[in-house]
Protein backbone atom coordinates (compact mmCIF):
# COMPACT_ATOMS: atom_id res chain seq x y z
CA MET A 1 4.87 -24.63 0.23
CA LEU A 2 2.83 -21.65 1.25
CA LYS A 3 1.12 -22.63 4.66
CA ILE A 4 -2.38 -21.19 5.59
CA ASN A 5 -2.52 -21.34 9.41
CA SER A 6 -6.04 -22.24 11.04
CA THR A 7 -6.86 -19.39 13.15
CA PRO A 8 -8.83 -20.06 16.29
CA GLU A 9 -11.70 -17.86 17.14
CA ASN A 10 -10.75 -14.80 19.17
CA ASN A 11 -13.24 -15.03 22.05
CA LYS A 12 -11.98 -11.81 23.67
CA ALA A 13 -12.59 -9.91 20.38
CA LYS A 14 -16.16 -11.49 19.89
CA GLU A 15 -16.94 -10.48 23.68
CA PHE A 16 -15.83 -6.78 22.96
CA CYS A 17 -17.91 -6.47 19.87
CA LYS A 18 -20.89 -7.90 21.64
CA ALA A 19 -20.40 -5.35 24.41
CA PHE A 20 -19.80 -2.63 22.05
CA LEU A 21 -23.15 -3.28 20.49
CA GLU A 22 -24.96 -3.96 23.50
CA SER A 23 -23.80 -2.46 26.64
CA LYS A 24 -24.24 1.13 27.96
CA ARG A 25 -20.48 1.67 28.39
CA PRO A 26 -18.98 4.69 26.92
CA LYS A 27 -17.82 4.14 23.45
CA TYR A 28 -15.22 6.05 21.31
CA ILE A 29 -13.41 5.67 17.96
CA PHE A 30 -9.71 6.40 17.76
CA GLY A 31 -9.08 8.10 14.56
CA ARG A 32 -11.06 9.89 11.84
CA ASN A 33 -11.90 8.56 8.31
CA ASP A 34 -14.42 6.90 6.22
CA TRP A 35 -13.98 3.76 8.34
CA ALA A 36 -14.91 5.73 11.46
CA LYS A 37 -17.90 7.12 9.49
CA SER A 38 -19.26 3.76 8.56
CA VAL A 39 -19.15 2.56 12.31
CA THR A 40 -21.02 5.55 13.55
CA ASN A 41 -23.55 5.24 10.82
CA ILE A 42 -24.66 2.17 12.82
CA ILE A 43 -23.69 2.76 16.45
CA ASP A 44 -24.11 6.00 18.43
CA VAL A 45 -20.81 6.44 19.84
CA ASP A 46 -19.68 9.13 22.44
CA GLY A 47 -16.88 10.65 20.70
CA PHE A 48 -13.66 10.39 19.01
CA ILE A 49 -9.96 10.41 19.74
CA ASP A 50 -7.52 12.24 17.49
CA GLU A 51 -4.24 13.15 19.01
CA PHE A 52 -3.17 15.22 15.85
CA THR A 53 -5.88 18.00 15.70
CA HIS A 54 -7.27 20.87 17.39
CA ASP A 55 -10.67 20.41 16.10
CA LYS A 56 -13.30 20.05 18.92
CA GLU A 57 -16.11 18.16 16.97
CA TYR A 58 -16.29 15.47 14.32
CA LEU A 59 -19.60 14.03 12.76
CA ASP A 60 -21.37 16.12 15.57
CA LYS A 61 -19.59 14.32 18.24
CA PRO A 62 -16.66 15.67 20.60
CA ILE A 63 -13.15 15.02 19.99
CA VAL A 64 -11.87 14.00 23.44
CA PRO A 65 -8.14 14.03 24.67
CA ILE A 66 -7.18 10.42 25.11
CA GLU A 67 -6.29 11.09 28.84
CA ASP A 68 -9.84 12.08 29.42
CA ILE A 69 -11.54 8.72 28.23
CA PRO A 70 -13.00 6.99 31.02
CA ASN A 71 -11.57 3.88 32.35
CA ASN A 72 -14.66 1.86 31.73
CA ALA A 73 -14.98 3.06 27.99
CA MET A 74 -14.55 0.90 25.00
CA VAL A 75 -12.37 2.08 22.16
CA VAL A 76 -12.44 0.94 18.46
CA SER A 77 -9.35 2.06 16.53
CA ILE A 78 -9.82 2.56 12.89
CA VAL A 79 -6.20 3.28 12.27
CA GLN A 80 -4.88 0.93 9.39
CA GLY A 81 -1.72 2.35 8.33
CA LYS A 82 -0.16 2.44 11.86
CA PRO A 83 -2.13 0.10 14.04
CA PHE A 84 0.62 -0.79 16.55
CA VAL A 85 1.39 2.93 17.05
CA ALA A 86 -2.17 3.47 17.85
CA GLU A 87 -2.28 0.34 20.13
CA LYS A 88 0.90 1.69 21.87
CA SER A 89 -0.87 5.05 22.61
CA MET A 90 -3.99 3.45 23.89
CA ARG A 91 -2.14 0.86 26.13
CA ARG A 92 -1.22 3.57 28.53
CA PHE A 93 -4.68 3.65 29.65
CA GLN A 94 -7.10 1.32 31.30
CA PHE A 95 -9.94 1.31 28.73
CA ASP A 96 -10.72 -1.65 26.59
CA SER A 97 -9.64 -1.35 22.88
CA LEU A 98 -9.85 -3.44 19.75
CA ASP A 99 -8.22 -3.07 16.18
CA TYR A 100 -10.56 -2.35 13.11
CA TYR A 101 -9.57 -5.64 11.45
CA ALA A 102 -10.81 -7.80 14.40
CA PHE A 103 -13.75 -5.49 14.78
CA PHE A 104 -14.75 -6.00 11.09
CA LYS A 105 -14.55 -9.89 11.31
CA TYR A 106 -16.22 -10.23 14.65
CA SER A 107 -19.01 -7.51 14.73
CA ASN A 108 -20.75 -8.93 11.69
CA LEU A 109 -21.75 -5.44 10.87
CA PRO A 110 -22.25 -4.07 7.51
CA ILE A 111 -19.26 -1.67 7.83
CA LYS A 112 -16.62 -0.45 5.35
CA GLN A 113 -14.23 -3.26 4.28
CA VAL A 114 -10.69 -2.84 5.27
CA MET A 115 -8.63 -0.69 2.84
CA PHE A 116 -7.13 -2.68 -0.13
CA TRP A 117 -8.91 -5.65 1.20
CA GLU A 118 -11.99 -6.13 -1.12
CA GLY A 119 -12.30 -9.53 -2.52
CA MET A 120 -8.72 -10.72 -1.54
CA THR A 121 -9.70 -13.17 1.21
CA GLU A 122 -11.92 -15.10 -1.49
CA ASP A 123 -9.29 -14.66 -4.04
CA ILE A 124 -6.69 -16.32 -1.92
CA LYS A 125 -9.09 -19.23 -1.15
CA ILE A 126 -10.01 -19.81 -4.97
CA ASN A 127 -6.45 -19.27 -6.46
CA PHE A 128 -4.36 -20.74 -3.55
CA SER A 129 -2.39 -22.52 -6.09
CA LYS A 130 -1.33 -19.22 -7.75
CA TYR A 131 -0.25 -17.76 -4.34
CA ASN A 132 1.66 -20.93 -3.76
CA TRP A 133 3.38 -20.58 -7.16
CA ILE A 134 4.54 -17.13 -6.31
CA TYR A 135 5.75 -18.14 -2.82
CA THR A 136 7.95 -20.85 -4.36
CA LEU A 137 9.57 -18.32 -6.84
CA LEU A 138 10.32 -15.90 -3.98
CA LYS A 139 14.20 -15.66 -3.96
CA ASP A 140 15.05 -15.32 -0.27
CA LYS A 141 13.95 -16.13 3.25
CA THR A 142 12.77 -12.61 3.96
CA SER A 143 10.44 -12.60 0.93
CA LYS A 144 8.92 -15.88 1.83
CA ASN A 145 8.40 -15.09 5.71
CA GLN A 146 6.93 -11.54 4.74
CA PHE A 147 4.60 -13.06 2.06
CA PHE A 148 3.46 -15.79 4.49
CA ASN A 149 2.53 -13.16 7.05
CA ILE A 150 0.81 -11.07 4.77
CA ILE A 151 -1.29 -13.57 3.29
CA ASN A 152 -2.22 -15.22 6.60
CA PHE A 153 -3.23 -11.66 7.85
CA ARG A 154 -5.53 -11.32 4.90
CA ILE A 155 -7.19 -14.47 5.35
CA SER A 156 -7.51 -14.26 9.24
CA TYR A 157 -7.75 -10.35 9.92
CA ASP A 158 -5.45 -11.22 12.75
CA LEU A 159 -3.27 -8.22 13.36
CA ASP A 160 -0.77 -10.45 15.20
CA TYR A 161 0.82 -11.56 12.03
CA MET A 162 2.05 -8.02 11.34
CA ARG A 163 3.90 -7.60 14.60
CA GLY A 164 7.32 -8.16 13.00
CA PHE A 165 6.99 -5.32 10.54
CA LYS A 166 7.73 -1.70 11.10
CA ASN A 167 7.13 1.55 9.44
CA ILE A 168 10.13 1.88 7.22
CA GLU A 169 8.87 3.95 4.32
CA ASP A 170 11.97 5.93 4.20
CA LYS A 171 13.79 2.75 2.91
CA GLN A 172 11.18 1.83 0.44
CA TYR A 173 12.10 0.72 -3.28
CA PHE A 174 15.82 0.82 -2.41
CA GLU A 175 17.04 -2.68 -1.39
CA ASP A 176 20.80 -3.72 -1.68
CA PHE A 177 19.89 -6.53 -3.93
CA LEU A 178 18.89 -3.88 -6.65
CA GLN A 179 22.72 -3.32 -6.80
CA LEU A 180 22.09 0.17 -8.13
CA ASN A 181 25.11 1.77 -9.87
CA PRO A 182 26.08 5.29 -8.66
CA ASN A 183 26.93 6.09 -12.45
CA GLY A 184 24.59 5.74 -15.59
CA GLU A 185 21.34 4.56 -14.14
CA SER A 186 18.12 5.66 -15.90
CA PHE A 187 15.25 5.68 -13.62
CA ALA A 188 11.35 5.77 -14.48
CA ASP A 189 9.50 7.22 -11.30
CA ILE A 190 5.79 6.14 -12.24
CA GLY A 191 3.34 7.46 -9.74
CA ALA A 192 5.87 9.96 -8.47
CA PHE A 193 3.64 12.08 -6.01
CA ASP A 194 6.01 14.90 -4.75
CA GLY A 195 9.22 13.72 -6.12
CA TYR A 196 10.45 11.92 -2.88
CA THR A 197 11.34 8.67 -4.43
CA THR A 198 13.37 10.28 -7.30
CA LYS A 199 15.17 12.29 -4.62
CA GLU A 200 16.12 9.27 -2.87
CA PHE A 201 17.31 7.64 -6.15
CA ILE A 202 19.52 10.61 -6.96
CA LYS A 203 21.05 10.22 -3.48
CA ARG A 204 22.03 6.72 -4.32
CA CYS A 205 22.80 7.31 -8.08
CA PRO A 206 24.31 10.83 -8.14
CA ASN A 207 25.70 10.31 -11.52
CA TYR A 208 22.55 8.89 -13.28
CA LYS A 209 21.88 9.20 -16.83
CA LYS A 210 18.23 10.17 -16.86
CA VAL A 211 15.04 10.27 -14.74
CA PHE A 212 11.57 9.87 -16.51
CA LEU A 213 9.04 11.22 -13.84
CA PHE A 214 5.36 10.56 -14.19
CA GLU A 215 2.61 12.14 -12.19
CA PRO A 216 -1.00 12.97 -13.43
CA GLU A 217 -1.99 15.49 -10.54
CA GLU A 218 -0.94 19.06 -11.37
CA LYS A 219 -0.25 20.22 -7.65
CA ASN A 220 1.82 16.96 -7.09
CA MET A 221 3.72 17.68 -10.28
CA GLU A 222 4.45 21.33 -9.31
CA THR A 223 5.80 20.29 -6.06
CA ALA A 224 7.97 17.58 -7.64
CA LYS A 225 9.43 20.19 -10.11
CA ASN A 226 10.20 22.49 -7.14
CA GLU A 227 11.71 19.74 -5.06
CA LEU A 228 13.91 18.63 -8.11
CA MET A 229 14.81 21.87 -9.51
CA SER A 230 18.60 21.58 -8.92
CA ALA A 231 18.54 18.06 -10.39
CA TYR A 232 19.75 17.64 -14.09
CA ASN A 233 18.25 15.74 -17.10
CA ILE A 234 14.67 14.82 -15.60
CA GLN A 235 11.88 14.62 -18.30
CA PHE A 236 8.49 15.44 -16.64
CA PHE A 237 5.30 13.82 -17.86
CA LYS A 238 1.98 15.09 -16.30
CA LEU A 239 0.38 11.85 -17.37
CA GLY A 240 -0.83 8.46 -15.69
CA LEU A 241 0.39 5.13 -17.36
CA SER A 242 -1.95 2.37 -18.76
CA ASP A 243 -2.20 -0.04 -21.56
CA LYS A 244 -3.69 2.59 -24.10
CA LYS A 245 -4.13 6.38 -24.59
CA GLU A 246 -7.16 7.67 -23.02
CA THR A 247 -8.81 10.19 -20.58
CA LEU A 248 -9.85 9.06 -17.22
CA ARG A 249 -11.48 10.39 -13.94
CA PHE A 250 -9.16 11.07 -11.18
CA ASP A 251 -9.90 11.27 -7.35
CA VAL A 252 -7.24 13.37 -5.46
CA SER A 253 -6.51 12.13 -2.08
CA GLY A 254 -2.96 13.15 -1.34
CA SER A 255 -0.43 10.28 -1.94
CA SER A 256 -3.16 7.87 -2.37
CA SER A 257 -4.63 9.84 -5.33
CA LYS A 258 -6.23 7.31 -7.84
CA ILE A 259 -8.13 6.80 -11.09
CA SER A 260 -11.75 6.41 -10.20
CA GLU A 261 -15.06 6.76 -12.24
CA ASN A 262 -16.23 9.17 -9.60
CA GLY A 263 -13.13 11.32 -9.63
CA ALA A 264 -13.49 15.24 -9.68
CA LEU A 265 -10.47 15.75 -12.23
CA THR A 266 -9.76 14.56 -15.60
CA ILE A 267 -6.21 13.13 -16.41
CA HIS A 268 -4.48 11.68 -19.43
CA VAL A 269 -3.01 8.28 -19.63
CA ASP A 270 -0.75 6.53 -22.09
CA LYS A 271 1.47 3.67 -22.69
CA LEU A 272 5.10 3.77 -21.46
CA ASP A 273 6.07 2.08 -24.84
CA ASP A 274 4.60 5.00 -26.59
CA LEU A 275 6.51 7.69 -24.54
CA ILE A 276 9.93 6.30 -24.15
CA ASN A 277 12.24 5.27 -26.71
CA GLU A 278 15.43 4.84 -24.71
CA GLU A 279 17.13 2.83 -22.16
CA VAL A 280 15.51 2.43 -18.80
CA THR A 281 17.43 0.48 -16.03
CA PHE A 282 15.09 0.73 -13.08
CA ILE A 283 11.24 1.32 -12.86
CA LYS A 284 9.42 2.10 -9.79
CA MET A 285 5.57 1.84 -10.05
CA ASP A 286 2.99 2.78 -7.48
CA ILE A 287 -0.17 3.91 -9.23
CA GLU A 288 -2.96 2.91 -6.69
CA GLY A 289 -4.28 -0.09 -8.60
CA TYR A 290 -3.42 0.45 -12.26
CA GLU A 291 -0.21 -1.22 -12.10
CA GLN A 292 -1.47 -4.11 -14.01
CA ARG A 293 -2.58 -1.91 -16.97
CA ALA A 294 0.69 0.09 -16.80
CA ILE A 295 2.71 -3.05 -17.04
CA LYS A 296 0.92 -4.35 -20.18
CA GLY A 297 1.77 -0.84 -21.63
CA ALA A 298 5.42 -1.30 -20.78
CA LYS A 299 5.91 -4.47 -22.55
CA LYS A 300 8.39 -3.44 -25.13
CA ILE A 301 10.46 -1.55 -22.57
CA ILE A 302 10.58 -4.53 -20.35
CA GLN A 303 11.44 -6.74 -23.21
CA LYS A 304 14.24 -4.47 -24.67
CA TYR A 305 15.97 -3.09 -21.82
CA HIS A 306 15.29 -5.63 -19.08
CA PRO A 307 15.12 -2.97 -16.18
CA ARG A 308 14.93 -3.54 -12.60
CA LEU A 309 11.24 -3.36 -11.41
CA ALA A 310 9.76 -2.40 -8.09
CA ILE A 311 6.06 -2.67 -8.26
CA SER A 312 3.31 -2.02 -5.70
CA VAL A 313 1.18 -5.29 -5.26
CA TYR A 314 -1.25 -4.56 -2.58
CA HIS A 315 -3.93 -2.20 -4.21
CA LYS A 316 -6.12 -4.93 -5.77
CA LYS A 317 -7.08 -8.34 -4.81
CA ASP A 318 -5.13 -10.41 -7.26
CA ASP A 319 -2.08 -8.16 -7.70
CA PHE A 320 0.05 -10.68 -5.63
CA TRP A 321 -0.08 -13.11 -8.45
CA LYS A 322 -1.25 -11.26 -11.44
CA ILE A 323 1.53 -8.83 -11.55
CA PRO A 324 4.34 -11.32 -11.50
CA LYS A 325 2.47 -13.56 -13.88
CA LEU A 326 2.38 -10.56 -16.36
CA ILE A 327 5.97 -9.61 -15.93
CA LEU A 328 7.13 -13.28 -16.43
CA ASN A 329 5.15 -13.53 -19.54
CA ILE A 330 7.00 -10.90 -20.91
CA ARG A 331 10.46 -11.93 -19.59
CA ASN A 332 11.01 -15.08 -17.44
CA ASP A 333 14.60 -14.20 -16.71
CA TYR A 334 13.78 -12.39 -13.38
CA ASN A 335 14.49 -13.07 -9.53
CA ILE A 336 11.74 -12.27 -7.38
CA TYR A 337 11.80 -10.64 -4.02
CA LEU A 338 9.17 -8.97 -1.82
CA ARG A 339 9.43 -6.36 0.86
CA HIS A 340 6.68 -4.81 3.04
CA TYR A 341 7.48 -1.21 4.42
CA THR A 342 4.57 -0.61 7.14
CA GLU A 343 3.14 -2.21 10.02
CA GLY A 344 -0.25 -2.03 8.30
CA ILE A 345 -1.92 -2.93 5.03
CA SER A 346 -0.14 -0.85 2.68
CA GLU A 347 3.38 -0.66 0.88
CA THR A 348 4.05 -4.22 -0.24
CA ILE A 349 6.56 -4.09 -3.03
CA MET A 350 7.55 -6.91 -5.46
CA PHE A 351 10.90 -6.59 -7.01
CA PHE A 352 11.95 -8.00 -10.20
CA ILE A 353 15.78 -8.46 -10.55
CA PRO A 354 17.27 -9.54 -13.85
CA TYR A 355 19.34 -12.80 -13.81
CA THR A 356 22.94 -12.85 -13.48
CA LYS A 357 25.26 -15.13 -15.21
CA THR A 358 25.10 -17.47 -11.93
CA ASP A 359 21.29 -17.72 -12.28
CA THR A 360 21.32 -19.07 -15.79
């Protein structure tokens, strides 16, 4: 059974937040993004730390080399993708620091919610039986351990639950339990970005049958075509996937581009079932929160060909249980695995592997 640990109050974090709000000590933000802006909308900080820029200012405040931060300073790290890399960098110095997860929880400020977190803590509490259901279905110990830590992290905002994870995005999607065949595989790369995942697929399956590559953003698609120029039998679709054919707004943000009502670009989406009428043996899907709708639009493909599936489940509050429910309602003869590929909040992938003779 999935266990939700009772997490004691982090008094050190509470004291840090109180001092960050009330004291006259120097205050800095480690990193630059919308979360940094949300803090500085409320608190007047002395500057920012960014080790990967030549810029001198941000939001009318100086960008200060980390070695020049005063020993009595207080620093909030808004780094969410690689929080332990940031922590390691800051620990070389004597100033006090706190991660954004704890700062969000204990500051009680109306600052920007953690990325991909909106409503999930409440969803876990309301639908705990569904999370427990998925936990019991997970095939191996690694899946169960990782699921336990991720769910407890989402409930508690305690970054210690993520200390066993590493940034291994270069290994993402391609686990041994997929048992990919070097010969004859057909791959659907849904949310292909710059074509990197397809290149990794080709390395492992050099004698593949066909690749179907989906990417709605024009510049990303051009990059993917250039990167895959020497590959054979790739069908490119400058489309997003959904459960119906329509035109949507699209927000371009690099690898995190997503469908959004406020997006500056217009894209076309369609059902996978209406675009492909041939065998697919492996589907990878990472489309920034549109996975549930795309799965509904791939029902016939999944029913007919029983492909392996690697689906992102971290974008929306209920992805962890709604995505497997959707897939198992289409076909219930899948084993389920889960792997997480960063030390932060993103890149949690749920794998669906067709039953073998020993499973039936």
